[in-house]
Every structure is written in structure tokens, then in C-alpha cells.
Amino acid sequence: MNVTIKPGVATGTVNAPPSKSCAHRLLICAALAKGESVIENIGANDDISATVSCLKELGAKIDIVGNKAVVRGIDKDKRKDSLNMFCNESGSTLRFLIPLSLIFSERVSFDGSERLLERPQSVYEELFPGMGCYIKKENSFLVAGGELKSGIYKTRGDVSSQFLTGLFFALPLLKGDSEIILTTPLQSAPYADITIDVLSAFGVSIIKTDRGFYIKGDQHFEAQSLSVEGDWSNAAFLDAFNLLGGNVTISGMNNESCQGDKIYRAFYEQIKDGTPTIDITDCPDLGPVLIACSALCNGATLTGTKRLKIKESNRGIAMQAELSKFGVDITVNDNEIIIPKTEVRAPEEKLNCHNDHRIAMSLAVLCSKVGGTLENAQCVNKSYPEFFDDIKALGIKYDII
């Protein structure tokens, strides 16, 4: 769908969408627990639907009732010859479930969007051959096979924490203890912290060490009844309207959350007050909205941006292309993006969302200031299907074509 947004000022109260990061993790842990778990406030987005579908393929029984999931755990004594998993566009689903799937099947075929299957799986490609299994491309699929073993896993820490999370889910189930040794400093540490926190809620322990993590084997997940907390990553798009003169209150947030993206509030203060340099190494998902907000305020320099190029789109290049339509010329370097202080003007061309939910929502923030039309704006369904309904309730008017 195309959405034409008219300039306006957002005011009112909106409930934060559920945290996609937390929902993935809670559902996976529930699927690994014996008995029945209930997960409230899971959210109805494409990525969570992909995780639910894949967990069912692994053998979990999941009933969705409104915004609640009733989950009965996988029978761990039944190992299948083969499985077929459709991950759609969800990098979290794919990377979280690759190691876990090898506990339940001899061979697993992963399918999904072309962009998803292009995203690197370097950590697993390096680790698996020494641990009794493999991962490789076969035709248009990603295929993993063998049987995961406990032991010592040496890997870099300056890659996506999604690989660590995948190992955190699988290794506690194996016979024998394991250790993950990081050969470089850990980046995106808050995402690993979310996983450790959720695992702890299900009775599973991951112990931090001086050189990485220690994981005791033969642990057991305990069924729980829990609720998904509000999402700081998507709250950032709603709170951005306050930088433009809005008066938006976001309810349902946990100020004690492990979610690293809650740091956006401090970044917004810096953007409002000056032309800051902001390091987004640990919070790359904030990149697009920080670029948009900086363009609308005083400019900024973002560092630690190299991982933006391996997301749903090449986010630095995507924002560069779209901001040029607003008359803003940003500079995209390998690990740095410079946004100048420039007067933002209404775009004469339609805006390309690059099939990326975070690009779409960032452009919507820009359009609320000067107007504009987003093409294929339905990509917000990946994480926040209610986004346009919510901003309409806040007074941002738009037409859908």
C-alpha cells in the first residue's frame, strides 16, 4: 500500500507495541519447556508469526487466542529425519533456531525471503564443522545438518548477538557442559542480556565469565505464564514526534528493561540540544530513526554503523537515497554516517521504504513534518502492524492508496 502523510503535530497517549525481541525469546523458551506456558501480549506481526510457525514445525503445540499464546512444549525424545522451516523475513527466527533445530532433526531446510537468505551466517559456518554439524546453501535454501555437540565454542563478539542467542537456547539442552569464548569484545551486548534474562525466567542459567559464557548442560526449561513487555525499539518512532513539537505519552514501558534500545531517550536529548556524535554499535536498530531525527533537528554524526548494511536493507544507503528527496545530503562511510544541519523540504518524489519496517517508520516521522508519500508502506507489518493506526490516533493524518 502507498500512504500519503500530511504535515501535523502528534499529541495524545499511545500504548507501546510489544517487544519483538522479548516475544521471540519467550515463545522459544515456552516451546522448550515441559508442560504448558502462557505468553501474553505477543503482538501480531510477521516476524513473530514466522517464529510461531517454525516452533510448530519443531513439534511445539501453539494456540493463539487474541494476543495470547498457549504453548505446549516440544517432545525432546522425538528426533525427526528432516524439517522444513519458513522464516519469511525474520533474521531472529532464522539465527535463533538454526542450532536448536539440530537437536530435534538430522537435517533442516530453511526458507525465507531472498534478502534474508543473503544475510551472513558466518559464525555458524565457522563453528559447526568442529562441533559435529554443518550449514550450507543448497539451491535457494539454507540447509543445516548433523547433531550439535557440547564443548568449547570460540567465536568473535563483534558480530550479531543473534548467533550467541541461538547457542544460548541450544547448549543448555545438551549432555555435557559448554563454554563460549569470545575472541573479540562483545557488541550488541544488551540483546544477549535480554536472552539471559528470559532464560533465567524459565529456570535456565547462562553464566558470564571473563572470556565469554559458561553453559551447564542437561538443564530443563520450566513452564511459565509471562507477558511481553513494551518495545523500546518501536517506542523510539513514537517518541520522535516529541522532537517535532508533539506531546506524545507512551504507556506500557518497563524502565528497568534489559532492552538496550531504551538509550534512545538519552540520544534524543543530545540531538535536541546540539549536533552530537552518537555511537550506535550496541543499538544498530536505532540507526534509521536517529538519522531522521538528526535531519529534522541539528544534524549529527553516527558512529558504529557498519552493521546497518546487513539488515533488512542496507539502511545507511537506503536513508541516504530517501533523505536526498527531502533535500538532505548525508554522508555514508564504512562505519560512520554524517547528517548535516539542513532545512528539510517536502519531497517531490514518492519515497521508497526498501521493504524495511524501520526505514518506513523513520520516513513517516519525516513526512509528519513536511508531508510525503511512502510506497509499499505495508512493510511495517514486520514488527508494528498498528503503526499507522497509532499515529492516526495521535493526530497525524494520512491517506491510503
Protein backbone atom coordinates (compact mmCIF):
# COMPACT_ATOMS: atom_id res chain seq x y z
CA MET A 1 0.00 0.00 0.00
CA ASN A 2 1.02 3.63 -0.52
CA VAL A 3 0.50 6.07 2.35
CA THR A 4 0.40 9.85 1.85
CA ILE A 5 1.13 11.58 5.14
CA LYS A 6 0.11 15.18 5.76
CA PRO A 7 2.09 17.54 7.99
CA GLY A 8 0.81 17.55 11.55
CA VAL A 9 1.69 17.60 15.24
CA ALA A 10 1.21 14.40 17.24
CA THR A 11 -0.47 14.61 20.63
CA GLY A 12 -2.02 12.07 22.98
CA THR A 13 -1.26 8.78 24.70
CA VAL A 14 -0.42 5.53 22.94
CA ASN A 15 0.34 2.09 24.33
CA ALA A 16 3.74 0.77 23.35
CA PRO A 17 3.73 -2.21 20.98
CA PRO A 18 5.03 -5.50 22.43
CA SER A 19 8.76 -6.07 22.25
CA LYS A 20 9.51 -8.29 19.29
CA SER A 21 12.90 -9.16 20.80
CA CYS A 22 11.29 -10.37 24.02
CA ALA A 23 8.39 -12.14 22.30
CA HIS A 24 10.71 -14.28 20.13
CA ARG A 25 12.66 -15.36 23.19
CA LEU A 26 9.66 -16.04 25.42
CA LEU A 27 7.96 -18.17 22.77
CA ILE A 28 11.10 -20.22 22.12
CA CYS A 29 11.66 -20.85 25.83
CA ALA A 30 8.00 -21.83 26.24
CA ALA A 31 8.37 -24.30 23.36
CA LEU A 32 11.36 -25.88 25.15
CA ALA A 33 9.57 -26.20 28.50
CA LYS A 34 7.76 -29.31 29.63
CA GLY A 35 4.05 -28.67 30.14
CA GLU A 36 2.00 -25.61 29.22
CA SER A 37 3.13 -22.00 29.20
CA VAL A 38 1.05 -18.89 28.57
CA ILE A 39 2.66 -15.86 26.92
CA GLU A 40 0.52 -12.71 26.95
CA ASN A 41 0.87 -9.63 24.72
CA ILE A 42 2.84 -11.41 21.99
CA GLY A 43 1.91 -8.97 19.20
CA ALA A 44 0.61 -9.86 15.77
CA ASN A 45 3.48 -9.13 13.41
CA ASP A 46 5.12 -11.05 10.58
CA ASP A 47 8.34 -11.90 12.45
CA ILE A 48 6.54 -13.39 15.45
CA SER A 49 4.27 -15.35 13.09
CA ALA A 50 7.41 -16.81 11.49
CA THR A 51 8.77 -17.92 14.87
CA VAL A 52 5.43 -19.48 15.84
CA SER A 53 5.30 -21.38 12.53
CA CYS A 54 8.85 -22.72 12.94
CA LEU A 55 8.30 -23.77 16.55
CA LYS A 56 5.25 -25.74 15.44
CA GLU A 57 7.43 -27.44 12.82
CA LEU A 58 9.85 -28.40 15.60
CA GLY A 59 6.96 -30.04 17.44
CA ALA A 60 5.56 -27.39 19.79
CA LYS A 61 1.79 -27.05 20.05
CA ILE A 62 0.85 -23.37 19.99
CA ASP A 63 -2.64 -21.90 20.11
CA ILE A 64 -3.01 -18.16 19.54
CA VAL A 65 -6.02 -16.65 21.27
CA GLY A 66 -6.19 -12.93 20.60
CA ASN A 67 -2.88 -11.51 21.80
CA LYS A 68 -2.05 -14.59 23.91
CA ALA A 69 -0.11 -17.75 23.05
CA VAL A 70 -0.76 -21.03 24.85
CA VAL A 71 2.35 -23.16 24.28
CA ARG A 72 2.85 -26.87 24.97
CA GLY A 73 6.47 -27.86 24.78
CA ILE A 74 8.32 -29.99 22.24
CA ASP A 75 8.80 -33.68 22.96
CA LYS A 76 12.59 -33.77 23.19
CA ASP A 77 12.72 -37.57 22.86
CA LYS A 78 11.47 -37.48 19.27
CA ARG A 79 14.21 -36.61 16.76
CA LYS A 80 12.98 -36.26 13.18
CA ASP A 81 14.83 -37.15 9.99
CA SER A 82 14.16 -33.79 8.37
CA LEU A 83 12.36 -30.48 8.92
CA ASN A 84 11.39 -27.58 6.67
CA MET A 85 11.33 -24.15 8.32
CA PHE A 86 9.94 -20.99 6.67
CA CYS A 87 11.40 -17.89 8.33
CA ASN A 88 9.86 -15.30 5.99
CA GLU A 89 11.98 -12.16 6.54
CA SER A 90 12.90 -12.73 10.19
CA GLY A 91 16.63 -12.82 10.87
CA SER A 92 15.94 -13.50 14.54
CA THR A 93 13.83 -16.55 13.74
CA LEU A 94 16.49 -17.97 11.44
CA ARG A 95 19.55 -17.40 13.60
CA PHE A 96 17.84 -18.28 16.89
CA LEU A 97 16.55 -21.60 15.59
CA ILE A 98 19.45 -22.93 13.49
CA PRO A 99 21.37 -24.52 16.41
CA LEU A 100 18.19 -25.57 18.21
CA SER A 101 16.78 -27.32 15.15
CA LEU A 102 19.79 -29.65 15.06
CA ILE A 103 18.77 -31.05 18.44
CA PHE A 104 15.43 -32.15 17.01
CA SER A 105 16.32 -33.18 13.45
CA GLU A 106 19.09 -34.73 11.35
CA ARG A 107 18.61 -32.24 8.52
CA VAL A 108 16.80 -28.90 8.42
CA SER A 109 15.98 -26.80 5.38
CA PHE A 110 15.41 -23.07 5.99
CA ASP A 111 13.47 -20.97 3.51
CA GLY A 112 12.62 -17.29 3.51
CA SER A 113 12.89 -14.06 1.56
CA GLU A 114 15.80 -13.58 -0.80
CA ARG A 115 17.19 -10.78 1.36
CA LEU A 116 17.03 -12.94 4.50
CA LEU A 117 18.93 -15.82 2.92
CA GLU A 118 21.60 -13.37 1.69
CA ARG A 119 22.33 -12.26 5.25
CA PRO A 120 25.57 -13.81 6.57
CA GLN A 121 25.66 -16.89 8.81
CA SER A 122 29.43 -16.67 9.28
CA VAL A 123 29.55 -17.65 12.96
CA TYR A 124 27.69 -20.92 12.42
CA GLU A 125 29.67 -21.64 9.24
CA GLU A 126 32.90 -21.36 11.23
CA LEU A 127 31.74 -23.21 14.36
CA PHE A 128 29.63 -26.08 13.11
CA PRO A 129 32.26 -28.20 11.28
CA GLY A 130 34.15 -28.70 14.55
CA MET A 131 31.00 -29.49 16.54
CA GLY A 132 29.54 -32.38 14.55
CA CYS A 133 27.29 -30.47 12.16
CA TYR A 134 27.23 -28.22 9.10
CA ILE A 135 25.38 -25.36 7.44
CA LYS A 136 25.44 -24.57 3.73
CA LYS A 137 23.45 -23.12 0.84
CA GLU A 138 21.63 -25.62 -1.38
CA ASN A 139 19.87 -24.08 -4.35
CA SER A 140 17.69 -21.34 -2.85
CA PHE A 141 17.65 -22.84 0.65
CA LEU A 142 19.89 -22.76 3.69
CA VAL A 143 20.47 -26.29 4.96
CA ALA A 144 21.82 -27.41 8.33
CA GLY A 145 22.54 -30.98 9.38
CA GLY A 146 24.28 -33.25 11.86
CA GLU A 147 23.91 -33.28 15.62
CA LEU A 148 25.11 -30.39 17.75
CA LYS A 149 27.67 -31.31 20.43
CA SER A 150 28.56 -29.67 23.72
CA GLY A 151 32.07 -28.33 24.14
CA ILE A 152 34.12 -25.17 23.64
CA TYR A 153 32.87 -22.66 21.07
CA LYS A 154 35.32 -19.92 20.11
CA THR A 155 33.76 -17.04 18.20
CA ARG A 156 34.05 -13.33 17.61
CA GLY A 157 31.95 -10.98 19.69
CA ASP A 158 31.81 -8.14 17.14
CA VAL A 159 29.14 -9.80 15.00
CA SER A 160 25.40 -10.11 15.51
CA SER A 161 24.41 -11.21 19.01
CA GLN A 162 21.69 -13.30 17.34
CA PHE A 163 24.29 -16.06 16.90
CA LEU A 164 25.02 -16.07 20.62
CA THR A 165 21.32 -16.21 21.41
CA GLY A 166 20.92 -19.22 19.12
CA LEU A 167 23.65 -21.03 21.06
CA PHE A 168 22.19 -19.94 24.39
CA PHE A 169 18.91 -21.70 23.55
CA ALA A 170 20.51 -24.94 22.35
CA LEU A 171 23.57 -25.62 24.51
CA PRO A 172 21.76 -25.97 27.88
CA LEU A 173 19.80 -28.91 26.43
CA LEU A 174 22.89 -30.94 25.51
CA LYS A 175 24.62 -33.61 27.56
CA GLY A 176 27.82 -32.08 28.84
CA ASP A 177 28.78 -28.52 29.67
CA SER A 178 29.78 -25.90 27.12
CA GLU A 179 31.75 -22.68 27.04
CA ILE A 180 31.57 -19.81 24.58
CA ILE A 181 34.88 -17.99 24.33
CA LEU A 182 34.74 -14.56 22.69
CA THR A 183 37.84 -13.74 20.68
CA THR A 184 36.86 -10.06 20.27
CA PRO A 185 34.83 -7.73 22.54
CA LEU A 186 31.09 -8.31 22.59
CA GLN A 187 28.92 -5.90 20.63
CA SER A 188 25.14 -5.56 20.95
CA ALA A 189 25.55 -6.88 24.49
CA PRO A 190 22.07 -5.71 25.59
CA TYR A 191 20.47 -8.24 23.21
CA ALA A 192 22.48 -11.05 24.82
CA ASP A 193 21.35 -9.72 28.20
CA ILE A 194 17.69 -9.97 27.12
CA THR A 195 18.22 -13.63 26.23
CA ILE A 196 19.95 -14.41 29.53
CA ASP A 197 17.16 -12.67 31.44
CA VAL A 198 14.39 -14.59 29.64
CA LEU A 199 16.21 -17.92 30.01
CA SER A 200 16.55 -17.26 33.74
CA ALA A 201 12.78 -16.76 33.98
CA PHE A 202 12.39 -20.30 32.60
CA GLY A 203 14.92 -21.76 35.05
CA VAL A 204 17.93 -21.91 32.71
CA SER A 205 21.28 -20.38 33.66
CA ILE A 206 23.88 -18.77 31.42
CA ILE A 207 26.94 -17.71 33.42
CA LYS A 208 29.07 -14.77 32.27
CA THR A 209 32.82 -15.30 32.56
CA ASP A 210 35.92 -13.20 31.98
CA ARG A 211 36.25 -14.64 28.48
CA GLY A 212 32.63 -15.26 27.49
CA PHE A 213 29.90 -17.54 28.82
CA TYR A 214 29.66 -20.88 30.63
CA ILE A 215 26.62 -23.05 29.94
CA LYS A 216 25.90 -26.07 32.10
CA GLY A 217 24.42 -28.98 30.14
CA ASP A 218 21.30 -31.06 30.77
CA GLN A 219 19.28 -28.09 32.03
CA HIS A 220 15.48 -28.10 31.98
CA PHE A 221 13.13 -25.32 30.93
CA GLU A 222 10.22 -24.78 33.34
CA ALA A 223 6.78 -23.76 32.01
CA GLN A 224 5.79 -20.18 32.85
CA SER A 225 2.98 -17.66 32.49
CA LEU A 226 4.52 -14.34 31.44
CA SER A 227 3.74 -11.20 29.47
CA VAL A 228 5.80 -9.48 26.77
CA GLU A 229 6.93 -6.03 27.84
CA GLY A 230 6.69 -2.88 25.72
CA ASP A 231 9.17 -2.40 22.87
CA TRP A 232 11.73 0.36 23.30
CA SER A 233 12.90 -0.03 19.67
CA ASN A 234 9.48 0.87 18.25
CA ALA A 235 8.69 3.34 21.02
CA ALA A 236 11.55 5.40 19.56
CA PHE A 237 9.43 6.15 16.47
CA LEU A 238 6.53 7.38 18.59
CA ASP A 239 8.74 9.43 20.90
CA ALA A 240 10.40 11.03 17.85
CA PHE A 241 7.25 13.10 17.33
CA ASN A 242 8.09 14.90 20.59
CA LEU A 243 11.25 16.26 18.96
CA LEU A 244 8.99 17.94 16.37
CA GLY A 245 6.82 19.81 18.85
CA GLY A 246 4.48 16.95 19.68
CA ASN A 247 3.15 15.90 23.06
CA VAL A 248 3.07 12.11 22.99
CA THR A 249 2.97 9.90 26.07
CA ILE A 250 3.90 6.23 25.63
CA SER A 251 2.42 3.85 28.18
CA GLY A 252 3.36 0.26 28.96
CA MET A 253 7.13 0.71 29.12
CA ASN A 254 9.42 -1.03 31.62
CA ASN A 255 12.08 1.42 32.75
CA GLU A 256 14.09 -1.46 34.25
CA SER A 257 14.12 -3.38 30.97
CA CYS A 258 17.24 -5.08 29.62
CA GLN A 259 16.40 -3.73 26.16
CA GLY A 260 19.39 -1.71 25.05
CA ASP A 261 17.38 0.48 22.69
CA LYS A 262 15.91 2.40 25.64
CA ILE A 263 19.07 4.50 25.33
CA TYR A 264 17.31 6.37 22.52
CA ARG A 265 15.93 8.78 25.15
CA ALA A 266 19.44 9.98 26.01
CA PHE A 267 20.30 10.23 22.31
CA TYR A 268 17.18 12.34 21.64
CA GLU A 269 18.23 14.79 24.34
CA GLN A 270 21.63 15.14 22.65
CA ILE A 271 20.02 15.63 19.23
CA LYS A 272 17.64 18.25 20.59
CA ASP A 273 20.38 20.23 22.31
CA GLY A 274 23.17 20.19 19.72
CA THR A 275 24.99 18.32 16.94
CA PRO A 276 26.24 15.23 18.75
CA THR A 277 28.40 12.27 17.84
CA ILE A 278 26.48 9.11 18.79
CA ASP A 279 27.87 5.57 18.90
CA ILE A 280 25.21 3.03 17.84
CA THR A 281 27.44 -0.06 17.98
CA ASP A 282 25.19 -1.66 20.61
CA CYS A 283 21.89 -0.40 19.19
CA PRO A 284 22.03 -0.55 15.37
CA ASP A 285 18.24 -0.79 15.02
CA LEU A 286 18.01 2.83 16.15
CA GLY A 287 20.08 3.95 13.16
CA PRO A 288 17.27 4.95 10.75
CA VAL A 289 15.18 6.91 13.26
CA LEU A 290 18.27 8.67 14.64
CA ILE A 291 19.17 9.71 11.09
CA ALA A 292 15.64 11.05 10.55
CA CYS A 293 15.57 12.92 13.86
CA SER A 294 19.03 14.39 13.33
CA ALA A 295 17.99 15.68 9.90
CA LEU A 296 14.94 17.36 11.45
CA CYS A 297 16.94 18.94 14.29
CA ASN A 298 20.58 20.00 14.36
CA GLY A 299 22.39 17.25 12.46
CA ALA A 300 24.64 14.59 13.99
CA THR A 301 27.39 12.08 13.33
CA LEU A 302 26.59 8.41 13.95
CA THR A 303 29.48 6.01 14.52
CA GLY A 304 29.45 2.21 14.81
CA THR A 305 27.18 2.00 11.75
CA LYS A 306 28.84 -0.78 9.74
CA ARG A 307 26.20 -3.37 10.61
CA LEU A 308 23.42 -1.27 9.08
CA LYS A 309 24.36 -2.68 5.68
CA ILE A 310 23.33 -6.26 6.63
CA LYS A 311 19.86 -5.55 7.97
CA GLU A 312 16.54 -5.86 6.09
CA SER A 313 18.04 -3.30 3.73
CA ASN A 314 21.36 -1.52 3.55
CA ARG A 315 19.95 1.03 5.96
CA GLY A 316 22.60 3.73 5.63
CA ILE A 317 22.39 3.74 1.84
CA ALA A 318 18.58 3.48 1.94
CA MET A 319 18.26 6.52 4.23
CA GLN A 320 20.79 8.41 2.11
CA ALA A 321 18.68 7.82 -1.02
CA GLU A 322 15.42 8.84 0.62
CA LEU A 323 16.75 11.84 2.56
CA SER A 324 18.10 13.27 -0.70
CA LYS A 325 14.44 13.62 -1.75
CA PHE A 326 13.96 15.87 1.30
CA GLY A 327 16.97 17.98 0.26
CA VAL A 328 19.27 16.44 2.87
CA ASP A 329 22.60 15.04 1.66
CA ILE A 330 24.03 12.65 4.26
CA THR A 331 27.46 11.05 4.00
CA VAL A 332 27.65 7.27 4.46
CA ASN A 333 31.10 5.92 5.29
CA ASP A 334 32.05 2.36 6.26
CA ASN A 335 31.43 2.81 9.98
CA GLU A 336 30.11 6.38 10.17
CA ILE A 337 27.16 8.40 8.90
CA ILE A 338 27.21 12.22 8.89
CA ILE A 339 23.90 14.08 8.85
CA PRO A 340 24.27 17.82 8.20
CA LYS A 341 22.07 20.54 9.64
CA THR A 342 19.85 21.33 6.67
CA GLU A 343 16.37 22.67 6.12
CA VAL A 344 14.15 19.69 5.30
CA ARG A 345 11.77 20.28 2.38
CA ALA A 346 8.76 18.36 1.12
CA PRO A 347 9.79 15.58 -1.30
CA GLU A 348 8.52 15.84 -4.87
CA GLU A 349 9.06 12.12 -5.48
CA LYS A 350 7.45 9.14 -3.78
CA LEU A 351 9.55 7.60 -1.04
CA ASN A 352 10.86 4.04 -1.26
CA CYS A 353 10.57 2.07 2.01
CA HIS A 354 13.11 -0.51 0.74
CA ASN A 355 10.91 -3.29 2.18
CA ASP A 356 12.27 -2.32 5.59
CA HIS A 357 9.94 -1.59 8.51
CA ARG A 358 12.39 0.72 10.26
CA ILE A 359 13.00 2.74 7.09
CA ALA A 360 9.24 3.10 6.58
CA MET A 361 8.58 4.33 10.12
CA SER A 362 11.56 6.73 10.02
CA LEU A 363 10.29 8.23 6.77
CA ALA A 364 6.82 8.58 8.32
CA VAL A 365 8.36 10.74 11.07
CA LEU A 366 9.97 12.96 8.42
CA CYS A 367 6.69 13.19 6.48
CA SER A 368 4.80 14.30 9.58
CA LYS A 369 6.87 17.50 9.34
CA VAL A 370 6.68 18.29 5.61
CA GLY A 371 4.38 15.68 4.05
CA GLY A 372 5.18 12.91 1.58
CA THR A 373 4.09 9.58 0.14
CA LEU A 374 5.51 6.21 1.22
CA GLU A 375 5.43 3.38 -1.32
CA ASN A 376 4.89 -0.18 -0.09
CA ALA A 377 4.42 1.02 3.45
CA GLN A 378 2.90 -2.34 4.44
CA CYS A 379 6.42 -3.46 5.36
CA VAL A 380 5.70 -2.06 8.85
CA ASN A 381 3.83 -5.36 9.37
CA LYS A 382 7.18 -6.97 10.05
CA SER A 383 7.26 -5.52 13.58
CA TYR A 384 4.49 -2.96 14.10
CA PRO A 385 1.30 -3.54 12.04
CA GLU A 386 -0.62 -0.99 14.12
CA PHE A 387 1.86 1.82 13.43
CA PHE A 388 -0.29 3.85 11.06
CA ASP A 389 -3.41 3.35 13.18
CA ASP A 390 -1.50 4.56 16.23
CA ILE A 391 -0.11 7.72 14.63
CA LYS A 392 -3.58 8.49 13.24
CA ALA A 393 -4.94 8.31 16.79
CA LEU A 394 -2.23 10.83 17.73
CA GLY A 395 -3.47 13.26 15.08
CA ILE A 396 -1.17 12.51 12.13
CA LYS A 397 -3.48 12.44 9.09
CA TYR A 398 -2.82 10.33 6.03
CA ASP A 399 -4.50 8.76 3.01
CA ILE A 400 -4.02 5.13 1.98
CA ILE A 401 -3.87 4.26 -1.71
